[in-house]
Amino acid sequence: MSEAKSTAEQLVRTYVDVWNERDYSKLPDIVSESFVMHDRAAPEEGVPGSAGEIHGPEGLEQFVREVTTGFPDFEVTILDLVSTDGLVMYEGEISMTHEGEFDGIPPTGRTAQFREMSKFRVADGAIREHRAYFDQQEIYEQLGLTED
């Protein structure tokens, strides 16, 4: 395994730890100032970036805090991870319970568990980009936010 590959993988694993452990102090060390996250769940207002995007380490911290306020037990489990120099992808499972307001939606008290794919671009020792892919409709259904 090349040094660059192991560094990129470690950065992504640390990134997942930030979500799971809420250790925001790690963010400046792992994501670049120009970091962009593409996530359909990113609200149109309240975090730096347009709808579906989060910009910079501060924007990422703000978004993680919003998600974990709405879903205090939010947890990502990496099921499989592959990488090359500068590119890391993983398949993960997310579990969460909707116990607080998120993006204007009052808590439902329901739990959601779903698979997601994430793709990361890493350069110069930092994560530059994160693209998250998941079925948002599946989450809405599990949280009881759709009509039967």
Protein backbone atom coordinates (compact mmCIF):
# COMPACT_ATOMS: atom_id res chain seq x y z
CA MET A 1 0.00 0.00 0.00
CA SER A 2 1.42 3.36 -0.95
CA GLU A 3 1.92 6.09 1.63
CA ALA A 4 -0.50 8.41 -0.21
CA LYS A 5 -3.17 5.70 -0.24
CA SER A 6 -2.87 5.01 3.49
CA THR A 7 -2.91 8.75 4.27
CA ALA A 8 -6.05 9.29 2.16
CA GLU A 9 -7.78 6.32 3.80
CA GLN A 10 -6.84 7.55 7.28
CA LEU A 11 -8.18 11.02 6.52
CA VAL A 12 -11.53 9.53 5.48
CA ARG A 13 -11.69 7.28 8.54
CA THR A 14 -10.96 10.30 10.75
CA TYR A 15 -13.68 12.23 8.88
CA VAL A 16 -16.18 9.47 9.71
CA ASP A 17 -14.99 9.60 13.33
CA VAL A 18 -15.86 13.33 13.42
CA TRP A 19 -19.46 12.41 12.52
CA ASN A 20 -19.62 9.52 14.98
CA GLU A 21 -17.75 11.07 17.90
CA ARG A 22 -18.68 14.76 17.34
CA ASP A 23 -15.00 15.70 17.70
CA TYR A 24 -15.06 18.92 15.65
CA SER A 25 -11.53 19.87 16.69
CA LYS A 26 -10.22 17.42 14.05
CA LEU A 27 -11.88 19.21 11.12
CA PRO A 28 -9.20 21.85 10.40
CA ASP A 29 -6.61 19.06 10.20
CA ILE A 30 -8.52 16.85 7.75
CA VAL A 31 -10.56 19.07 5.40
CA SER A 32 -9.25 21.90 3.24
CA GLU A 33 -10.45 25.50 3.41
CA SER A 34 -11.87 24.95 -0.09
CA PHE A 35 -13.71 21.76 0.98
CA VAL A 36 -17.09 21.10 -0.65
CA MET A 37 -19.56 18.42 0.42
CA HIS A 38 -22.34 17.47 -1.99
CA ASP A 39 -25.26 16.04 0.01
CA ARG A 40 -28.96 16.17 -0.92
CA ALA A 41 -29.79 16.63 2.77
CA ALA A 42 -27.89 19.92 3.02
CA PRO A 43 -30.45 22.65 3.67
CA GLU A 44 -30.92 25.63 1.41
CA GLU A 45 -30.27 28.01 4.32
CA GLY A 46 -28.28 27.87 7.52
CA VAL A 47 -24.94 26.47 6.28
CA PRO A 48 -22.38 27.99 3.92
CA GLY A 49 -23.11 26.82 0.36
CA SER A 50 -26.11 26.47 -1.90
CA ALA A 51 -28.83 23.85 -1.41
CA GLY A 52 -27.19 20.44 -1.49
CA GLU A 53 -23.69 21.79 -0.77
CA ILE A 54 -21.63 22.52 2.31
CA HIS A 55 -18.49 24.69 2.03
CA GLY A 56 -15.37 24.78 4.19
CA PRO A 57 -14.55 23.25 7.56
CA GLU A 58 -16.82 25.72 9.39
CA GLY A 59 -19.75 24.86 7.12
CA LEU A 60 -19.11 21.17 7.64
CA GLU A 61 -19.04 21.57 11.41
CA GLN A 62 -22.29 23.52 11.30
CA PHE A 63 -23.93 20.84 9.13
CA VAL A 64 -22.75 17.96 11.34
CA ARG A 65 -24.08 19.81 14.38
CA GLU A 66 -27.47 20.31 12.68
CA VAL A 67 -27.70 16.66 11.66
CA THR A 68 -26.72 15.40 15.10
CA THR A 69 -29.16 17.80 16.80
CA GLY A 70 -31.99 16.28 14.76
CA PHE A 71 -30.56 12.76 15.02
CA PRO A 72 -28.52 12.56 18.27
CA ASP A 73 -27.60 8.90 17.75
CA PHE A 74 -26.47 9.42 14.12
CA GLU A 75 -23.77 6.88 13.31
CA VAL A 76 -21.90 5.84 10.18
CA THR A 77 -20.48 2.33 9.85
CA ILE A 78 -18.00 1.75 7.02
CA LEU A 79 -18.79 -1.61 5.42
CA ASP A 80 -16.26 -1.55 2.58
CA LEU A 81 -13.59 0.96 1.57
CA VAL A 82 -11.41 1.24 -1.54
CA SER A 83 -8.85 3.87 -2.47
CA THR A 84 -6.26 5.01 -4.94
CA ASP A 85 -4.00 8.01 -4.70
CA GLY A 86 -6.32 10.94 -4.09
CA LEU A 87 -9.61 9.05 -4.33
CA VAL A 88 -11.38 7.13 -1.55
CA MET A 89 -14.81 5.50 -1.78
CA TYR A 90 -16.75 3.60 0.82
CA GLU A 91 -20.05 1.84 1.23
CA GLY A 92 -21.55 2.62 4.58
CA GLU A 93 -24.59 2.09 6.72
CA ILE A 94 -26.16 4.97 8.60
CA SER A 95 -28.48 4.57 11.55
CA MET A 96 -30.29 7.43 13.26
CA THR A 97 -33.35 8.32 15.32
CA HIS A 98 -35.24 11.54 14.59
CA GLU A 99 -35.38 13.06 18.09
CA GLY A 100 -34.90 16.75 17.26
CA GLU A 101 -35.89 19.21 14.57
CA PHE A 102 -33.96 18.95 11.32
CA ASP A 103 -34.38 21.31 8.37
CA GLY A 104 -37.70 22.52 9.77
CA ILE A 105 -39.09 19.01 10.25
CA PRO A 106 -40.26 18.33 13.82
CA PRO A 107 -39.04 15.10 15.43
CA THR A 108 -40.91 11.93 14.54
CA GLY A 109 -39.25 9.68 17.12
CA ARG A 110 -38.71 7.13 14.35
CA THR A 111 -35.49 5.36 13.42
CA ALA A 112 -33.97 5.12 9.95
CA GLN A 113 -31.27 2.75 8.79
CA PHE A 114 -29.95 2.89 5.24
CA ARG A 115 -26.96 2.31 2.99
CA GLU A 116 -24.94 5.09 1.43
CA MET A 117 -21.96 5.47 -0.86
CA SER A 118 -19.41 8.23 -0.37
CA LYS A 119 -16.66 9.46 -2.68
CA PHE A 120 -13.79 11.64 -1.45
CA ARG A 121 -11.12 13.61 -3.29
CA VAL A 122 -7.93 14.06 -1.27
CA ALA A 123 -4.98 16.29 -2.16
CA ASP A 124 -2.11 17.87 -0.26
CA GLY A 125 -2.97 16.00 2.94
CA ALA A 126 -6.61 17.14 3.17
CA ILE A 127 -10.05 16.14 1.99
CA ARG A 128 -11.11 18.53 -0.79
CA GLU A 129 -14.48 17.07 -1.72
CA HIS A 130 -17.08 14.64 -0.39
CA ARG A 131 -20.02 13.38 -2.45
CA ALA A 132 -22.67 11.40 -0.56
CA TYR A 133 -25.12 9.15 -2.43
CA PHE A 134 -28.20 7.70 -0.72
CA ASP A 135 -31.92 7.15 -1.27
CA GLN A 136 -33.56 10.14 0.42
CA GLN A 137 -37.05 8.75 -0.30
CA GLU A 138 -36.20 5.63 1.70
CA ILE A 139 -35.26 7.82 4.68
CA TYR A 140 -38.49 9.83 4.43
CA GLU A 141 -40.50 6.61 4.33
CA GLN A 142 -38.75 5.19 7.40
CA LEU A 143 -39.32 8.45 9.29
CA GLY A 144 -43.03 8.46 8.37
CA LEU A 145 -42.74 11.63 6.28
CA THR A 146 -44.49 10.26 3.19
CA GLU A 147 -48.12 9.48 2.54
CA ASP A 148 -48.92 5.79 2.25
